[in-house]
C-alpha atoms as a PDB file:
ATOM      1  CA  MET A   1     -16.924 -31.590  12.721  1.00  0.00           C
ATOM      2  CA  SER A   2     -17.816 -30.891  16.637  1.00  0.00           C
ATOM      3  CA  THR A   3     -20.213 -28.737  18.003  1.00  0.00           C
ATOM      4  CA  SER A   4     -17.683 -26.839  18.981  1.00  0.00           C
ATOM      5  CA  THR A   5     -16.403 -26.179  15.097  1.00  0.00           C
ATOM      6  CA  THR A   6     -19.115 -25.569  13.495  1.00  0.00           C
ATOM      7  CA  GLU A   7     -20.130 -21.834  12.024  1.00  0.00           C
ATOM      8  CA  SER A   8     -22.749 -21.207  14.142  1.00  0.00           C
ATOM      9  CA  ALA A   9     -20.660 -21.902  17.052  1.00  0.00           C
ATOM     10  CA  ILE A  10     -17.287 -20.231  15.931  1.00  0.00           C
ATOM     11  CA  VAL A  11     -19.618 -17.079  14.913  1.00  0.00           C
ATOM     12  CA  SER A  12     -20.914 -16.758  18.552  1.00  0.00           C
ATOM     13  CA  ARG A  13     -17.308 -17.176  20.103  1.00  0.00           C
ATOM     14  CA  LEU A  14     -16.223 -14.658  18.099  1.00  0.00           C
ATOM     15  CA  ARG A  15     -18.904 -12.689  18.755  1.00  0.00           C
ATOM     16  CA  ALA A  16     -18.662 -13.198  22.390  1.00  0.00           C
ATOM     17  CA  ALA A  17     -14.842 -11.704  22.355  1.00  0.00           C
ATOM     18  CA  GLY A  18     -15.616  -8.799  20.661  1.00  0.00           C
ATOM     19  CA  CYS A  19     -14.959  -9.444  16.877  1.00  0.00           C
ATOM     20  CA  VAL A  20     -17.087  -7.190  14.747  1.00  0.00           C
ATOM     21  CA  PHE A  21     -17.089  -9.357  11.815  1.00  0.00           C
ATOM     22  CA  ALA A  22     -17.437 -12.713  13.576  1.00  0.00           C
ATOM     23  CA  GLU A  23     -19.210 -14.115  10.545  1.00  0.00           C
ATOM     24  CA  ASP A  24     -16.719 -13.474   7.856  1.00  0.00           C
ATOM     25  CA  GLU A  25     -14.263 -14.387   9.809  1.00  0.00           C
ATOM     26  CA  ALA A  26     -15.786 -17.740  10.929  1.00  0.00           C
ATOM     27  CA  ARG A  27     -15.859 -18.567   7.395  1.00  0.00           C
ATOM     28  CA  LEU A  28     -12.146 -17.493   6.847  1.00  0.00           C
ATOM     29  CA  ILE A  29     -11.007 -19.670   9.666  1.00  0.00           C
ATOM     30  CA  LEU A  30     -13.199 -22.804   8.561  1.00  0.00           C
ATOM     31  CA  ALA A  31     -11.696 -22.422   5.037  1.00  0.00           C
ATOM     32  CA  THR A  32      -7.948 -22.285   5.968  1.00  0.00           C
ATOM     33  CA  ALA A  33      -8.226 -25.149   8.901  1.00  0.00           C
ATOM     34  CA  ARG A  34      -7.126 -28.285   7.514  1.00  0.00           C
ATOM     35  CA  THR A  35      -9.120 -30.182  10.732  1.00  0.00           C
ATOM     36  CA  PRO A  36     -11.299 -29.305  13.361  1.00  0.00           C
ATOM     37  CA  ASP A  37      -8.701 -29.275  16.008  1.00  0.00           C
ATOM     38  CA  ASP A  38      -7.191 -26.395  13.521  1.00  0.00           C
ATOM     39  CA  ALA A  39     -10.370 -24.667  13.291  1.00  0.00           C
ATOM     40  CA  SER A  40     -10.497 -25.019  17.124  1.00  0.00           C
ATOM     41  CA  ALA A  41      -6.997 -23.384  18.108  1.00  0.00           C
ATOM     42  CA  MET A  42      -7.616 -20.631  15.399  1.00  0.00           C
ATOM     43  CA  VAL A  43     -10.905 -19.436  16.895  1.00  0.00           C
ATOM     44  CA  ASP A  44      -8.760 -19.615  20.661  1.00  0.00           C
ATOM     45  CA  ARG A  45      -6.092 -17.371  19.022  1.00  0.00           C
ATOM     46  CA  ARG A  46      -8.398 -15.161  17.646  1.00  0.00           C
ATOM     47  CA  ALA A  47     -10.460 -14.947  20.566  1.00  0.00           C
ATOM     48  CA  ALA A  48      -7.531 -14.247  22.960  1.00  0.00           C
ATOM     49  CA  GLY A  49      -6.597 -11.124  20.541  1.00  0.00           C
ATOM     50  CA  LEU A  50      -4.349 -12.289  17.868  1.00  0.00           C
ATOM     51  CA  PRO A  51      -5.105 -10.112  14.626  1.00  0.00           C
ATOM     52  CA  LEU A  52      -7.123 -12.115  12.190  1.00  0.00           C
ATOM     53  CA  GLU A  53      -4.451 -12.317   9.862  1.00  0.00           C
ATOM     54  CA  HIS A  54      -1.802 -13.822  12.174  1.00  0.00           C
ATOM     55  CA  VAL A  55      -4.324 -16.730  12.500  1.00  0.00           C
ATOM     56  CA  LEU A  56      -5.397 -17.135   9.247  1.00  0.00           C
ATOM     57  CA  GLY A  57      -1.299 -17.282   8.503  1.00  0.00           C
ATOM     58  CA  TRP A  58      -1.964 -14.804   5.317  1.00  0.00           C
ATOM     59  CA  ALA A  59      -3.741 -11.665   4.496  1.00  0.00           C
ATOM     60  CA  GLU A  60      -5.665 -10.790   1.357  1.00  0.00           C
ATOM     61  CA  PHE A  61      -3.715  -7.903  -0.610  1.00  0.00           C
ATOM     62  CA  CYS A  62      -4.511  -6.611  -4.145  1.00  0.00           C
ATOM     63  CA  GLY A  63      -6.362  -9.794  -4.698  1.00  0.00           C
ATOM     64  CA  LEU A  64      -2.702 -11.894  -3.728  1.00  0.00           C
ATOM     65  CA  ARG A  65      -2.821 -14.136  -0.965  1.00  0.00           C
ATOM     66  CA  VAL A  66       0.033 -13.180   1.515  1.00  0.00           C
ATOM     67  CA  ALA A  67       1.588 -15.539   4.060  1.00  0.00           C
ATOM     68  CA  VAL A  68       1.761 -13.347   7.350  1.00  0.00           C
ATOM     69  CA  GLU A  69       4.063 -14.681  10.609  1.00  0.00           C
ATOM     70  CA  PRO A  70       2.883 -13.871  14.050  1.00  0.00           C
ATOM     71  CA  GLY A  71       5.083 -10.749  15.124  1.00  0.00           C
ATOM     72  CA  VAL A  72       4.828  -9.543  11.120  1.00  0.00           C
ATOM     73  CA  PHE A  73       3.269  -6.201   9.816  1.00  0.00           C
ATOM     74  CA  VAL A  74      -0.228  -7.113   8.180  1.00  0.00           C
ATOM     75  CA  PRO A  75      -0.566  -5.109   5.018  1.00  0.00           C
ATOM     76  CA  ARG A  76      -3.623  -2.558   5.102  1.00  0.00           C
ATOM     77  CA  ARG A  77      -5.759  -2.155   2.485  1.00  0.00           C
ATOM     78  CA  ARG A  78      -5.274   1.461   2.244  1.00  0.00           C
ATOM     79  CA  THR A  79      -1.823   0.543   1.102  1.00  0.00           C
ATOM     80  CA  GLU A  80      -3.275  -0.672  -1.914  1.00  0.00           C
ATOM     81  CA  PHE A  81      -3.270   2.611  -3.492  1.00  0.00           C
ATOM     82  CA  LEU A  82       0.186   3.196  -3.288  1.00  0.00           C
ATOM     83  CA  VAL A  83       0.865   0.146  -5.278  1.00  0.00           C
ATOM     84  CA  ARG A  84      -1.970   1.813  -7.860  1.00  0.00           C
ATOM     85  CA  ARG A  85       0.364   4.744  -7.968  1.00  0.00           C
ATOM     86  CA  ALA A  86       3.349   2.663  -8.258  1.00  0.00           C
ATOM     87  CA  ALA A  87       2.224   0.443 -11.343  1.00  0.00           C
ATOM     88  CA  ALA A  88       0.984   3.975 -12.896  1.00  0.00           C
ATOM     89  CA  LEU A  89       4.842   5.446 -12.903  1.00  0.00           C
ATOM     90  CA  ALA A  90       6.652   1.963 -13.292  1.00  0.00           C
ATOM     91  CA  PRO A  91       8.785   1.772 -16.605  1.00  0.00           C
ATOM     92  CA  PRO A  92       9.060  -1.295 -18.632  1.00  0.00           C
ATOM     93  CA  ARG A  93      11.255  -4.328 -16.953  1.00  0.00           C
ATOM     94  CA  PRO A  94      11.732  -1.611 -13.591  1.00  0.00           C
ATOM     95  CA  VAL A  95      14.034  -2.616 -11.143  1.00  0.00           C
ATOM     96  CA  VAL A  96      12.063  -2.513  -7.964  1.00  0.00           C
ATOM     97  CA  VAL A  97      12.886  -2.204  -4.236  1.00  0.00           C
ATOM     98  CA  ASP A  98      10.155  -2.807  -1.553  1.00  0.00           C
ATOM     99  CA  LEU A  99      12.145  -1.136   1.596  1.00  0.00           C
ATOM    100  CA  CYS A 100      10.789  -1.644   5.215  1.00  0.00           C
ATOM    101  CA  CYS A 101       9.213  -4.598   3.170  1.00  0.00           C
ATOM    102  CA  GLY A 102       7.361  -6.230   6.076  1.00  0.00           C
ATOM    103  CA  SER A 103       6.115  -9.335   4.598  1.00  0.00           C
ATOM    104  CA  GLY A 104       6.686  -8.373   0.862  1.00  0.00           C
ATOM    105  CA  ALA A 105       3.206  -7.603   0.224  1.00  0.00           C
ATOM    106  CA  LEU A 106       3.989  -4.687  -1.797  1.00  0.00           C
ATOM    107  CA  GLY A 107       6.680  -5.716  -3.528  1.00  0.00           C
ATOM    108  CA  ALA A 108       4.622  -9.007  -5.438  1.00  0.00           C
ATOM    109  CA  ALA A 109       1.664  -7.105  -5.532  1.00  0.00           C
ATOM    110  CA  LEU A 110       3.041  -4.720  -8.359  1.00  0.00           C
ATOM    111  CA  VAL A 111       5.111  -7.028 -10.137  1.00  0.00           C
ATOM    112  CA  ALA A 112       2.501  -9.598  -9.915  1.00  0.00           C
ATOM    113  CA  GLY A 113       0.942  -6.928 -12.548  1.00  0.00           C
ATOM    114  CA  LEU A 114       4.401  -6.466 -14.968  1.00  0.00           C
ATOM    115  CA  ASP A 115       5.699  -8.898 -17.665  1.00  0.00           C
ATOM    116  CA  GLY A 116       9.235  -8.197 -16.567  1.00  0.00           C
ATOM    117  CA  TYR A 117      11.044  -6.951 -13.714  1.00  0.00           C
ATOM    118  CA  ALA A 118      13.868  -6.824 -11.242  1.00  0.00           C
ATOM    119  CA  LEU A 119      12.492  -7.035  -7.313  1.00  0.00           C
ATOM    120  CA  HIS A 120      14.308  -6.657  -4.211  1.00  0.00           C
ATOM    121  CA  ALA A 121      13.496  -6.135  -0.595  1.00  0.00           C
ATOM    122  CA  ALA A 122      14.829  -5.507   2.768  1.00  0.00           C
ATOM    123  CA  ASP A 123      13.334  -5.766   6.282  1.00  0.00           C
ATOM    124  CA  VAL A 124      15.299  -5.266   9.864  1.00  0.00           C
ATOM    125  CA  GLU A 125      12.998  -7.679  11.088  1.00  0.00           C
ATOM    126  CA  PRO A 126      14.428 -11.340  10.729  1.00  0.00           C
ATOM    127  CA  ALA A 127      10.352 -12.815  10.909  1.00  0.00           C
ATOM    128  CA  ALA A 128       9.395  -9.994   8.265  1.00  0.00           C
ATOM    129  CA  VAL A 129      12.461 -11.293   5.858  1.00  0.00           C
ATOM    130  CA  ARG A 130      11.349 -14.697   6.415  1.00  0.00           C
ATOM    131  CA  CYS A 131       7.603 -13.921   5.257  1.00  0.00           C
ATOM    132  CA  ALA A 132       8.794 -11.858   2.387  1.00  0.00           C
ATOM    133  CA  ARG A 133      10.808 -14.370   0.746  1.00  0.00           C
ATOM    134  CA  ARG A 134       8.306 -16.393   0.614  1.00  0.00           C
ATOM    135  CA  ASN A 135       5.935 -14.051  -0.488  1.00  0.00           C
ATOM    136  CA  ILE A 136       8.264 -12.860  -3.439  1.00  0.00           C
ATOM    137  CA  ALA A 137       9.913 -16.083  -4.343  1.00  0.00           C
ATOM    138  CA  PRO A 138       7.290 -16.942  -6.898  1.00  0.00           C
ATOM    139  CA  TYR A 139       8.105 -13.849  -8.707  1.00  0.00           C
ATOM    140  CA  GLY A 140      12.298 -14.288  -8.690  1.00  0.00           C
ATOM    141  CA  GLY A 141      12.602 -11.963  -5.971  1.00  0.00           C
ATOM    142  CA  HIS A 142      15.249 -11.105  -3.521  1.00  0.00           C
ATOM    143  CA  ALA A 143      15.005 -10.753   0.428  1.00  0.00           C
ATOM    144  CA  TYR A 144      17.726  -9.373   2.372  1.00  0.00           C
ATOM    145  CA  GLU A 145      18.064  -8.500   6.360  1.00  0.00           C
ATOM    146  CA  GLY A 146      18.947  -5.121   7.297  1.00  0.00           C
ATOM    147  CA  ASP A 147      18.641  -1.697   8.222  1.00  0.00           C
ATOM    148  CA  LEU A 148      16.902   0.253   5.085  1.00  0.00           C
ATOM    149  CA  PHE A 149      19.302   0.005   2.285  1.00  0.00           C
ATOM    150  CA  ALA A 150      22.402  -1.299   4.011  1.00  0.00           C
ATOM    151  CA  PRO A 151      21.772  -4.919   2.921  1.00  0.00           C
ATOM    152  CA  LEU A 152      21.050  -3.977  -0.636  1.00  0.00           C
ATOM    153  CA  PRO A 153      23.554  -4.559  -3.311  1.00  0.00           C
ATOM    154  CA  ASP A 154      25.701  -1.975  -4.005  1.00  0.00           C
ATOM    155  CA  ALA A 155      24.604  -2.862  -8.075  1.00  0.00           C
ATOM    156  CA  LEU A 156      21.582  -1.449  -7.288  1.00  0.00           C
ATOM    157  CA  ARG A 157      23.067   2.138  -6.852  1.00  0.00           C
ATOM    158  CA  GLY A 158      21.759   4.671  -8.871  1.00  0.00           C
ATOM    159  CA  HIS A 159      19.738   1.788 -11.129  1.00  0.00           C
ATOM    160  CA  VAL A 160      16.106   1.347  -9.375  1.00  0.00           C
ATOM    161  CA  ASP A 161      12.998   2.654 -10.479  1.00  0.00           C
ATOM    162  CA  VAL A 162      10.541   2.044  -8.291  1.00  0.00           C
ATOM    163  CA  LEU A 163      11.569   2.420  -4.936  1.00  0.00           C
ATOM    164  CA  LEU A 164       8.385   1.484  -2.557  1.00  0.00           C
ATOM    165  CA  ALA A 165       9.244   2.532   1.486  1.00  0.00           C
ATOM    166  CA  ASN A 166       6.356   1.353   3.760  1.00  0.00           C
ATOM    167  CA  VAL A 167       7.884   3.267   6.448  1.00  0.00           C
ATOM    168  CA  PRO A 168       6.565   3.615   9.891  1.00  0.00           C
ATOM    169  CA  TYR A 169       4.861   6.955  10.489  1.00  0.00           C
ATOM    170  CA  VAL A 170       2.850   7.021  13.959  1.00  0.00           C
ATOM    171  CA  PRO A 171       4.214   9.463  16.134  1.00  0.00           C
ATOM    172  CA  SER A 172       5.761   8.058  19.509  1.00  0.00           C
ATOM    173  CA  GLY A 173       2.923   9.386  21.082  1.00  0.00           C
ATOM    174  CA  ASP A 174       0.335   8.142  19.576  1.00  0.00           C
ATOM    175  CA  LEU A 175       1.321   4.502  19.835  1.00  0.00           C
ATOM    176  CA  ALA A 176      -0.898   3.761  22.467  1.00  0.00           C
ATOM    177  CA  LEU A 177      -3.864   5.102  20.348  1.00  0.00           C
ATOM    178  CA  LEU A 178      -3.698   2.094  18.074  1.00  0.00           C
ATOM    179  CA  PRO A 179      -5.857  -0.901  18.296  1.00  0.00           C
ATOM    180  CA  ALA A 180      -4.892  -3.560  20.236  1.00  0.00           C
ATOM    181  CA  GLU A 181      -4.038  -5.926  17.538  1.00  0.00           C
ATOM    182  CA  ALA A 182      -1.401  -3.379  16.054  1.00  0.00           C
ATOM    183  CA  ARG A 183       0.003  -1.924  19.396  1.00  0.00           C
ATOM    184  CA  ASP A 184       0.233  -5.674  20.741  1.00  0.00           C
ATOM    185  CA  HIS A 185       1.229  -7.696  18.017  1.00  0.00           C
ATOM    186  CA  GLU A 186       2.839  -6.160  15.442  1.00  0.00           C
ATOM    187  CA  PRO A 187       6.629  -5.076  15.704  1.00  0.00           C
ATOM    188  CA  ARG A 188       7.369  -1.592  16.958  1.00  0.00           C
ATOM    189  CA  VAL A 189       9.800  -0.734  14.781  1.00  0.00           C
ATOM    190  CA  ALA A 190       7.055  -1.464  12.240  1.00  0.00           C
ATOM    191  CA  LEU A 191       4.906   1.518  13.623  1.00  0.00           C
ATOM    192  CA  ASP A 192       6.821   3.804  15.453  1.00  0.00           C
ATOM    193  CA  GLY A 193       8.270   6.894  13.380  1.00  0.00           C
ATOM    194  CA  GLY A 194       9.616   8.719  16.311  1.00  0.00           C
ATOM    195  CA  PRO A 195       8.419  12.350  17.934  1.00  0.00           C
ATOM    196  CA  ASP A 196       6.904  13.307  15.056  1.00  0.00           C
ATOM    197  CA  GLY A 197       6.561  10.220  12.954  1.00  0.00           C
ATOM    198  CA  LEU A 198       8.516  10.816  10.088  1.00  0.00           C
ATOM    199  CA  ASP A 199      12.379   9.825  11.517  1.00  0.00           C
ATOM    200  CA  VAL A 200      12.377   6.739   9.099  1.00  0.00           C
ATOM    201  CA  LEU A 201      11.141   8.623   6.543  1.00  0.00           C
ATOM    202  CA  ARG A 202      13.797  11.249   6.512  1.00  0.00           C
ATOM    203  CA  ARG A 203      16.739   9.046   6.757  1.00  0.00           C
ATOM    204  CA  VAL A 204      14.964   7.219   3.474  1.00  0.00           C
ATOM    205  CA  THR A 205      14.658  10.325   1.401  1.00  0.00           C
ATOM    206  CA  ALA A 206      18.340  11.505   2.382  1.00  0.00           C
ATOM    207  CA  GLU A 207      19.754   8.459   0.650  1.00  0.00           C
ATOM    208  CA  ALA A 208      16.990   7.639  -2.222  1.00  0.00           C
ATOM    209  CA  SER A 209      18.351   9.347  -4.731  1.00  0.00           C
ATOM    210  CA  ARG A 210      21.445   7.946  -4.851  1.00  0.00           C
ATOM    211  CA  TRP A 211      19.590   4.489  -5.224  1.00  0.00           C
ATOM    212  CA  LEU A 212      17.013   5.882  -7.960  1.00  0.00           C
ATOM    213  CA  ALA A 213      17.553   5.594 -11.352  1.00  0.00           C
ATOM    214  CA  PRO A 214      17.314   9.316 -13.458  1.00  0.00           C
ATOM    215  CA  GLY A 215      13.517   9.268 -13.592  1.00  0.00           C
ATOM    216  CA  GLY A 216      12.799   6.869 -10.689  1.00  0.00           C
ATOM    217  CA  HIS A 217      10.288   7.478  -8.386  1.00  0.00           C
ATOM    218  CA  LEU A 218      10.320   6.912  -4.553  1.00  0.00           C
ATOM    219  CA  LEU A 219       6.798   6.304  -2.979  1.00  0.00           C
ATOM    220  CA  PHE A 220       5.638   6.161   0.604  1.00  0.00           C
ATOM    221  CA  GLU A 221       2.323   6.603   2.424  1.00  0.00           C
ATOM    222  CA  THR A 222       1.767   9.253   5.336  1.00  0.00           C
ATOM    223  CA  SER A 223      -1.072  11.020   7.096  1.00  0.00           C
ATOM    224  CA  GLU A 224      -2.437  14.156   6.076  1.00  0.00           C
ATOM    225  CA  ARG A 225      -1.116  16.121   8.839  1.00  0.00           C
ATOM    226  CA  GLN A 226       2.178  15.132   8.192  1.00  0.00           C
ATOM    227  CA  VAL A 227       2.259  15.917   4.321  1.00  0.00           C
ATOM    228  CA  PRO A 228       4.120  19.161   5.000  1.00  0.00           C
ATOM    229  CA  ASP A 229       6.806  17.669   6.674  1.00  0.00           C
ATOM    230  CA  ALA A 230       7.378  14.942   4.584  1.00  0.00           C
ATOM    231  CA  VAL A 231       7.149  16.645   1.335  1.00  0.00           C
ATOM    232  CA  ALA A 232      10.206  18.960   2.270  1.00  0.00           C
ATOM    233  CA  ALA A 233      12.122  15.947   3.365  1.00  0.00           C
ATOM    234  CA  VAL A 234      11.672  14.785   0.073  1.00  0.00           C
ATOM    235  CA  GLU A 235      12.792  18.295  -1.426  1.00  0.00           C
ATOM    236  CA  ARG A 236      15.766  18.079   0.664  1.00  0.00           C
ATOM    237  CA  GLY A 237      16.810  14.788  -0.753  1.00  0.00           C
ATOM    238  CA  GLY A 238      16.893  16.674  -4.056  1.00  0.00           C
ATOM    239  CA  LEU A 239      13.650  15.023  -5.446  1.00  0.00           C
ATOM    240  CA  ALA A 240      10.480  16.532  -7.047  1.00  0.00           C
ATOM    241  CA  ALA A 241       7.525  16.004  -4.744  1.00  0.00           C
ATOM    242  CA  ALA A 242       3.879  15.165  -5.717  1.00  0.00           C
ATOM    243  CA  VAL A 243       1.392  14.517  -3.555  1.00  0.00           C
ATOM    244  CA  ALA A 244      -1.723  11.692  -4.272  1.00  0.00           C
ATOM    245  CA  THR A 245      -4.813  10.879  -2.062  1.00  0.00           C
ATOM    246  CA  SER A 246      -7.681   8.580  -2.202  1.00  0.00           C
ATOM    247  CA  GLU A 247     -10.889   8.601  -0.703  1.00  0.00           C
ATOM    248  CA  GLU A 248     -11.688   5.226  -1.487  1.00  0.00           C
ATOM    249  CA  PHE A 249      -8.687   3.990   0.639  1.00  0.00           C
ATOM    250  CA  TYR A 250      -8.723   6.822   2.332  1.00  0.00           C
ATOM    251  CA  ALA A 251      -4.605   7.019   2.049  1.00  0.00           C
ATOM    252  CA  THR A 252      -2.275  10.157   1.132  1.00  0.00           C
ATOM    253  CA  VAL A 253       0.714   8.575  -0.669  1.00  0.00           C
ATOM    254  CA  ILE A 254       4.054  10.775  -1.660  1.00  0.00           C
ATOM    255  CA  VAL A 255       5.592  10.497  -4.921  1.00  0.00           C
ATOM    256  CA  GLY A 256       9.368  11.671  -5.163  1.00  0.00           C
ATOM    257  CA  ALA A 257      10.913  11.799  -8.301  1.00  0.00           C
ATOM    258  CA  LYS A 258      14.060  11.805  -9.399  1.00  0.00           C
ATOM    259  CA  PRO A 259      15.037  13.774 -12.226  1.00  0.00           C
ATOM    260  CA  VAL A 260      16.242  13.131 -15.697  1.00  0.00           C
END
């Protein structure tokens, strides 16, 4: 291996580029790269500011290695809390829909722990749908390209047991405050939730009841300050709202339940 791709050289390069966890990142790059040239190119991309997950081509989520292409939203560790809540609520052999699915990480992580299920995912971004198809194919999942519920098969109406909706919830005015890795390398449509961050969520809650089975659940992530308005949107959609928080994941999840 050339001197430019030894672990110590990579650590030095990454540290100079401002990577806080340079040692860990160097090990991941070396473990992922197939050749020294691959490693060198990966270090160049990372030093230029590309998110580590896009450099590696994968992200770890709920113990799974999830394929992530450049330009696709990277699943956050905090969102593992949403998957845990969904797993606790899923009935036997559930119909699962992963809406605004990005890489398909949430749906894949949920059904990976289930014995029987049907999995569907949808996203408006073509690159995200490509990734989702790769990630959910091992679980027999189907991914569709289109806006929210529009591309889903009509046969799912009234039959969805678990509706995961990882909607964007950053207020438009706060996008400039995001880390550059997200702001510059993830699609705006996956981040921008409109003036108060809840525009996409309101569209989801307005339709969710038509897709959920009796006793089915809608789950989504939000910020603490958005909870009152998010709960109101869920209740206007005819669902009973409950709020779950996790200090471990620093996450807030709202669950909307359709009456039986």
